[in-house]
N, C-alpha and C. Protein backbone atom coordinates (compact mmCIF):
# COMPACT_ATOMS: atom_id res chain seq x y z
N MET A 1 28.69 -21.11 13.91
CA MET A 1 28.91 -21.27 12.49
C MET A 1 27.61 -20.93 11.74
N ALA A 2 27.75 -20.44 10.55
CA ALA A 2 26.59 -20.11 9.72
C ALA A 2 26.09 -21.37 9.00
N LYS A 3 24.79 -21.44 8.88
CA LYS A 3 24.16 -22.52 8.12
C LYS A 3 23.39 -21.87 6.97
N LEU A 4 23.61 -22.38 5.77
CA LEU A 4 22.91 -21.89 4.60
C LEU A 4 22.00 -23.00 4.09
N PHE A 5 20.72 -22.69 3.89
CA PHE A 5 19.78 -23.69 3.41
C PHE A 5 18.62 -23.02 2.70
N GLU A 6 17.95 -23.79 1.85
CA GLU A 6 16.75 -23.28 1.18
C GLU A 6 15.57 -23.39 2.12
N SER A 7 14.77 -22.34 2.19
CA SER A 7 13.60 -22.35 3.05
C SER A 7 12.59 -23.39 2.57
N GLU A 8 12.02 -24.09 3.51
CA GLU A 8 10.97 -25.04 3.16
C GLU A 8 9.64 -24.34 2.88
N PHE A 9 9.58 -23.06 3.21
CA PHE A 9 8.32 -22.33 3.06
C PHE A 9 8.14 -21.70 1.68
N HIS A 10 9.23 -21.52 0.94
CA HIS A 10 9.12 -20.89 -0.37
C HIS A 10 10.35 -21.25 -1.19
N LYS A 11 10.12 -21.93 -2.30
CA LYS A 11 11.23 -22.38 -3.15
C LYS A 11 12.04 -21.18 -3.66
N GLY A 12 13.35 -21.34 -3.62
CA GLY A 12 14.24 -20.31 -4.14
C GLY A 12 14.67 -19.27 -3.14
N VAL A 13 14.13 -19.31 -1.93
CA VAL A 13 14.54 -18.38 -0.89
C VAL A 13 15.58 -19.07 -0.02
N MET A 14 16.73 -18.45 0.10
CA MET A 14 17.81 -19.01 0.90
C MET A 14 17.85 -18.35 2.27
N VAL A 15 18.20 -19.15 3.27
CA VAL A 15 18.28 -18.69 4.65
C VAL A 15 19.72 -18.85 5.13
N VAL A 16 20.23 -17.82 5.76
CA VAL A 16 21.53 -17.88 6.42
C VAL A 16 21.27 -17.71 7.91
N ALA A 17 21.48 -18.78 8.66
CA ALA A 17 21.34 -18.73 10.12
C ALA A 17 22.74 -18.57 10.69
N VAL A 18 22.99 -17.44 11.33
CA VAL A 18 24.33 -17.10 11.81
C VAL A 18 24.33 -17.05 13.33
N ASP A 19 25.26 -17.78 13.94
CA ASP A 19 25.37 -17.71 15.40
C ASP A 19 26.63 -16.93 15.79
N SER A 20 26.75 -16.66 17.06
CA SER A 20 27.83 -15.78 17.54
C SER A 20 29.22 -16.37 17.35
N LEU A 21 29.33 -17.66 17.08
CA LEU A 21 30.64 -18.28 16.85
C LEU A 21 31.17 -18.04 15.44
N ASP A 22 30.30 -17.58 14.55
CA ASP A 22 30.70 -17.33 13.17
C ASP A 22 31.35 -15.95 13.05
N TYR A 23 32.41 -15.87 12.28
CA TYR A 23 33.12 -14.59 12.13
C TYR A 23 32.23 -13.51 11.53
N GLN A 24 31.22 -13.89 10.76
CA GLN A 24 30.33 -12.91 10.14
C GLN A 24 29.35 -12.28 11.13
N TYR A 25 29.19 -12.95 12.28
CA TYR A 25 28.22 -12.46 13.25
C TYR A 25 28.51 -11.04 13.69
N GLN A 26 29.77 -10.72 13.89
CA GLN A 26 30.13 -9.37 14.36
C GLN A 26 29.70 -8.30 13.35
N VAL A 27 29.73 -8.64 12.07
CA VAL A 27 29.31 -7.71 11.02
C VAL A 27 27.79 -7.58 11.01
N LEU A 28 27.10 -8.70 11.24
CA LEU A 28 25.63 -8.70 11.17
C LEU A 28 24.96 -8.28 12.48
N ALA A 29 25.66 -8.36 13.59
CA ALA A 29 25.06 -8.06 14.90
C ALA A 29 24.37 -6.69 14.95
N PRO A 30 24.97 -5.63 14.40
CA PRO A 30 24.26 -4.34 14.42
C PRO A 30 22.93 -4.39 13.64
N LEU A 31 22.89 -5.16 12.58
CA LEU A 31 21.63 -5.28 11.81
C LEU A 31 20.59 -6.07 12.60
N PHE A 32 21.02 -7.12 13.30
CA PHE A 32 20.08 -7.84 14.16
C PHE A 32 19.57 -6.93 15.28
N SER A 33 20.43 -6.08 15.80
CA SER A 33 20.00 -5.14 16.84
C SER A 33 18.95 -4.18 16.30
N GLU A 34 19.13 -3.76 15.07
CA GLU A 34 18.19 -2.81 14.46
C GLU A 34 16.89 -3.47 14.02
N TYR A 35 16.99 -4.67 13.40
CA TYR A 35 15.82 -5.29 12.78
C TYR A 35 15.23 -6.46 13.54
N GLY A 36 15.87 -6.93 14.58
CA GLY A 36 15.33 -8.05 15.35
C GLY A 36 16.02 -9.35 15.00
N TYR A 37 15.30 -10.45 15.19
CA TYR A 37 15.88 -11.79 15.03
C TYR A 37 16.21 -12.15 13.59
N GLY A 38 15.66 -11.42 12.66
CA GLY A 38 15.92 -11.72 11.26
C GLY A 38 15.63 -10.52 10.38
N PHE A 39 16.18 -10.57 9.18
CA PHE A 39 15.90 -9.53 8.19
C PHE A 39 16.11 -10.11 6.81
N VAL A 40 15.58 -9.43 5.81
CA VAL A 40 15.63 -9.95 4.44
C VAL A 40 16.42 -9.02 3.53
N ALA A 41 16.99 -9.64 2.50
CA ALA A 41 17.55 -8.93 1.36
C ALA A 41 16.65 -9.35 0.20
N PRO A 42 15.50 -8.64 0.01
CA PRO A 42 14.48 -9.11 -0.91
C PRO A 42 14.94 -9.27 -2.35
N ASP A 43 15.82 -8.40 -2.81
CA ASP A 43 16.29 -8.50 -4.20
C ASP A 43 17.10 -9.76 -4.45
N HIS A 44 17.64 -10.33 -3.39
CA HIS A 44 18.48 -11.53 -3.52
C HIS A 44 17.78 -12.79 -3.02
N LYS A 45 16.52 -12.65 -2.59
CA LYS A 45 15.77 -13.76 -2.01
C LYS A 45 16.60 -14.45 -0.93
N LEU A 46 17.09 -13.63 -0.01
CA LEU A 46 17.99 -14.08 1.03
C LEU A 46 17.52 -13.56 2.38
N ILE A 47 17.54 -14.45 3.36
CA ILE A 47 17.14 -14.11 4.72
C ILE A 47 18.30 -14.38 5.65
N PHE A 48 18.53 -13.47 6.58
CA PHE A 48 19.53 -13.66 7.63
C PHE A 48 18.80 -13.81 8.96
N ILE A 49 19.14 -14.84 9.70
CA ILE A 49 18.52 -15.11 11.00
C ILE A 49 19.62 -15.17 12.06
N ASP A 50 19.34 -14.53 13.19
CA ASP A 50 20.25 -14.58 14.34
C ASP A 50 20.01 -15.90 15.06
N ALA A 51 20.85 -16.89 14.80
CA ALA A 51 20.67 -18.23 15.37
C ALA A 51 21.23 -18.35 16.78
N THR A 52 21.82 -17.31 17.29
CA THR A 52 22.40 -17.38 18.63
C THR A 52 21.33 -17.47 19.70
N TYR A 53 20.24 -16.76 19.52
CA TYR A 53 19.24 -16.65 20.58
C TYR A 53 17.90 -17.29 20.28
N ILE A 54 17.70 -17.81 19.09
CA ILE A 54 16.32 -18.15 18.72
C ILE A 54 16.08 -19.60 18.32
N ASP A 55 16.83 -20.53 18.82
CA ASP A 55 16.64 -21.92 18.42
C ASP A 55 15.17 -22.35 18.50
N SER A 56 14.48 -21.96 19.57
CA SER A 56 13.11 -22.41 19.76
C SER A 56 12.11 -21.71 18.84
N ILE A 57 12.47 -20.57 18.27
CA ILE A 57 11.53 -19.86 17.40
C ILE A 57 12.09 -19.65 15.98
N GLN A 58 13.13 -20.38 15.63
CA GLN A 58 13.78 -20.15 14.33
C GLN A 58 12.82 -20.34 13.17
N LYS A 59 11.97 -21.37 13.19
CA LYS A 59 11.04 -21.59 12.08
C LYS A 59 10.00 -20.48 12.01
N MET A 60 9.60 -19.95 13.15
CA MET A 60 8.65 -18.85 13.17
C MET A 60 9.26 -17.60 12.53
N VAL A 61 10.48 -17.29 12.90
CA VAL A 61 11.17 -16.13 12.33
C VAL A 61 11.41 -16.35 10.83
N GLU A 62 11.85 -17.56 10.47
CA GLU A 62 12.08 -17.86 9.05
C GLU A 62 10.81 -17.66 8.24
N ALA A 63 9.70 -18.22 8.70
CA ALA A 63 8.44 -18.10 7.96
C ALA A 63 8.01 -16.65 7.82
N HIS A 64 8.16 -15.88 8.88
CA HIS A 64 7.79 -14.45 8.83
C HIS A 64 8.64 -13.72 7.80
N GLU A 65 9.95 -13.93 7.83
CA GLU A 65 10.83 -13.22 6.89
C GLU A 65 10.61 -13.68 5.46
N VAL A 66 10.37 -14.97 5.24
CA VAL A 66 10.05 -15.48 3.90
C VAL A 66 8.76 -14.84 3.41
N GLY A 67 7.82 -14.62 4.33
CA GLY A 67 6.57 -13.96 3.97
C GLY A 67 6.79 -12.61 3.32
N HIS A 68 7.76 -11.86 3.81
CA HIS A 68 8.07 -10.56 3.20
C HIS A 68 8.46 -10.74 1.72
N ILE A 69 9.27 -11.72 1.45
CA ILE A 69 9.69 -11.96 0.06
C ILE A 69 8.53 -12.47 -0.77
N ALA A 70 7.80 -13.45 -0.25
CA ALA A 70 6.68 -14.04 -0.99
C ALA A 70 5.60 -13.01 -1.31
N LEU A 71 5.43 -12.04 -0.42
CA LEU A 71 4.40 -11.01 -0.61
C LEU A 71 4.91 -9.81 -1.41
N GLY A 72 6.17 -9.85 -1.82
CA GLY A 72 6.71 -8.79 -2.66
C GLY A 72 7.10 -7.53 -1.92
N HIS A 73 7.31 -7.63 -0.62
CA HIS A 73 7.75 -6.45 0.13
C HIS A 73 9.16 -6.09 -0.30
N THR A 74 9.40 -4.81 -0.44
CA THR A 74 10.66 -4.35 -1.03
C THR A 74 11.71 -3.95 0.00
N GLY A 75 11.35 -3.92 1.26
CA GLY A 75 12.29 -3.46 2.27
C GLY A 75 11.92 -2.08 2.78
N ILE A 76 11.13 -1.34 2.00
CA ILE A 76 10.57 -0.08 2.46
C ILE A 76 9.21 -0.44 3.04
N LYS A 77 9.10 -0.36 4.36
CA LYS A 77 7.93 -0.92 5.04
C LYS A 77 6.66 -0.14 4.77
N GLY A 78 5.66 -0.90 4.35
CA GLY A 78 4.32 -0.36 4.24
C GLY A 78 3.62 -0.52 5.58
N PRO A 79 2.46 0.10 5.76
CA PRO A 79 1.79 0.10 7.06
C PRO A 79 1.34 -1.29 7.52
N ASN A 80 1.10 -2.20 6.61
CA ASN A 80 0.60 -3.53 6.99
C ASN A 80 1.60 -4.64 6.72
N ASP A 81 2.82 -4.32 6.33
CA ASP A 81 3.78 -5.35 5.93
C ASP A 81 4.04 -6.38 7.02
N GLU A 82 4.23 -5.94 8.26
CA GLU A 82 4.54 -6.88 9.33
C GLU A 82 3.35 -7.79 9.63
N ALA A 83 2.15 -7.23 9.68
CA ALA A 83 0.96 -8.05 9.93
C ALA A 83 0.72 -9.01 8.76
N ASP A 84 0.90 -8.54 7.54
CA ASP A 84 0.72 -9.41 6.38
C ASP A 84 1.74 -10.55 6.38
N ALA A 85 2.99 -10.26 6.75
CA ALA A 85 4.02 -11.30 6.81
C ALA A 85 3.70 -12.31 7.90
N ASP A 86 3.19 -11.84 9.03
CA ASP A 86 2.79 -12.78 10.09
C ASP A 86 1.63 -13.65 9.64
N GLY A 87 0.65 -13.07 8.96
CA GLY A 87 -0.48 -13.86 8.45
C GLY A 87 -0.02 -14.93 7.48
N TRP A 88 0.87 -14.55 6.57
CA TRP A 88 1.43 -15.50 5.60
C TRP A 88 2.17 -16.60 6.35
N ALA A 89 2.96 -16.21 7.35
CA ALA A 89 3.75 -17.17 8.12
C ALA A 89 2.86 -18.15 8.88
N ILE A 90 1.79 -17.66 9.47
CA ILE A 90 0.88 -18.55 10.21
C ILE A 90 0.34 -19.64 9.29
N ASP A 91 -0.09 -19.25 8.10
CA ASP A 91 -0.61 -20.22 7.13
C ASP A 91 0.45 -21.26 6.77
N LYS A 92 1.65 -20.82 6.46
CA LYS A 92 2.72 -21.75 6.05
C LYS A 92 3.17 -22.62 7.21
N LEU A 93 3.28 -22.05 8.40
CA LEU A 93 3.68 -22.85 9.56
C LEU A 93 2.68 -23.98 9.80
N LYS A 94 1.39 -23.67 9.71
CA LYS A 94 0.37 -24.72 9.88
C LYS A 94 0.50 -25.79 8.80
N LYS A 95 0.66 -25.37 7.54
CA LYS A 95 0.76 -26.32 6.44
C LYS A 95 1.98 -27.24 6.56
N HIS A 96 3.03 -26.75 7.21
CA HIS A 96 4.26 -27.54 7.35
C HIS A 96 4.35 -28.24 8.70
N GLY A 97 3.29 -28.19 9.48
CA GLY A 97 3.24 -28.94 10.73
C GLY A 97 3.85 -28.24 11.94
N TYR A 98 4.13 -26.96 11.85
CA TYR A 98 4.69 -26.20 12.98
C TYR A 98 3.54 -25.51 13.72
N ILE A 99 2.72 -26.31 14.35
CA ILE A 99 1.49 -25.83 14.98
C ILE A 99 1.80 -24.93 16.18
N ASP A 100 2.75 -25.33 17.02
CA ASP A 100 3.09 -24.50 18.18
C ASP A 100 3.57 -23.12 17.76
N GLU A 101 4.39 -23.08 16.71
CA GLU A 101 4.91 -21.80 16.23
C GLU A 101 3.79 -20.95 15.65
N ALA A 102 2.88 -21.58 14.90
CA ALA A 102 1.73 -20.85 14.34
C ALA A 102 0.86 -20.29 15.46
N ASN A 103 0.60 -21.11 16.47
CA ASN A 103 -0.23 -20.65 17.59
C ASN A 103 0.44 -19.52 18.36
N ARG A 104 1.76 -19.57 18.48
CA ARG A 104 2.45 -18.47 19.16
C ARG A 104 2.27 -17.16 18.40
N LEU A 105 2.40 -17.20 17.07
CA LEU A 105 2.18 -15.99 16.27
C LEU A 105 0.74 -15.49 16.40
N ILE A 106 -0.20 -16.41 16.39
CA ILE A 106 -1.62 -16.03 16.55
C ILE A 106 -1.82 -15.36 17.91
N ASN A 107 -1.27 -15.97 18.96
CA ASN A 107 -1.44 -15.43 20.31
C ASN A 107 -0.77 -14.07 20.49
N GLU A 108 0.30 -13.81 19.75
CA GLU A 108 1.03 -12.55 19.86
C GLU A 108 0.56 -11.50 18.84
N PHE A 109 -0.33 -11.89 17.94
CA PHE A 109 -0.70 -11.04 16.82
C PHE A 109 -1.23 -9.68 17.28
N LYS A 110 -2.17 -9.68 18.22
CA LYS A 110 -2.77 -8.40 18.66
C LYS A 110 -1.72 -7.51 19.32
N SER A 111 -0.86 -8.09 20.16
CA SER A 111 0.15 -7.26 20.82
C SER A 111 1.19 -6.74 19.83
N ARG A 112 1.43 -7.50 18.76
CA ARG A 112 2.41 -7.09 17.75
C ARG A 112 1.84 -6.06 16.78
N HIS A 113 0.52 -6.17 16.48
CA HIS A 113 -0.05 -5.38 15.39
C HIS A 113 -1.27 -4.53 15.78
N GLY A 114 -1.76 -4.70 16.98
CA GLY A 114 -2.89 -3.89 17.45
C GLY A 114 -4.25 -4.31 16.91
N ILE A 115 -4.29 -5.44 16.22
CA ILE A 115 -5.57 -5.96 15.70
C ILE A 115 -5.62 -7.46 15.96
N GLU A 116 -6.82 -7.99 15.98
CA GLU A 116 -6.99 -9.44 16.15
C GLU A 116 -6.61 -10.16 14.86
N PHE A 117 -6.09 -11.37 14.98
CA PHE A 117 -5.82 -12.19 13.81
C PHE A 117 -7.12 -12.78 13.31
N LYS A 118 -7.33 -12.71 11.98
CA LYS A 118 -8.54 -13.28 11.38
C LYS A 118 -8.16 -14.41 10.46
C-alpha cells in the first residue's frame, strides 16, 4: 500500500512511499528501474520512493530526494546535483538524529561521486 506523508526534512514536500502491493506500483516500477529507489516531481514538491526494497534506507533516500527540491534542482541534472543532494541529505539526517544513515552516505560518497565528502 502507498503511504503519503510530509517529509520531516523540508516543510511542504510530500512523500509517496509505494510498495509492490499497491496497484500504482506497476505504473511506477519502470520509473524506479530508471531512476533508482526514488525520484522527484520538483514542480509539485512530491517525492516517490520504492518502499518495497528499501525499508532500512528509506530515510536516506527521502533526505536525498528532498535535497533536490530544497536545492532547486529542476529535474534536468546538472554535473553536481547528485553530490549536492547527498551533502544536503547528510546535514539533515544528522540534524534529525539519523546518524547511521548519514554515516552510510558519507562512507559511500566517494564511490558515488568520485570525490571525498567535505
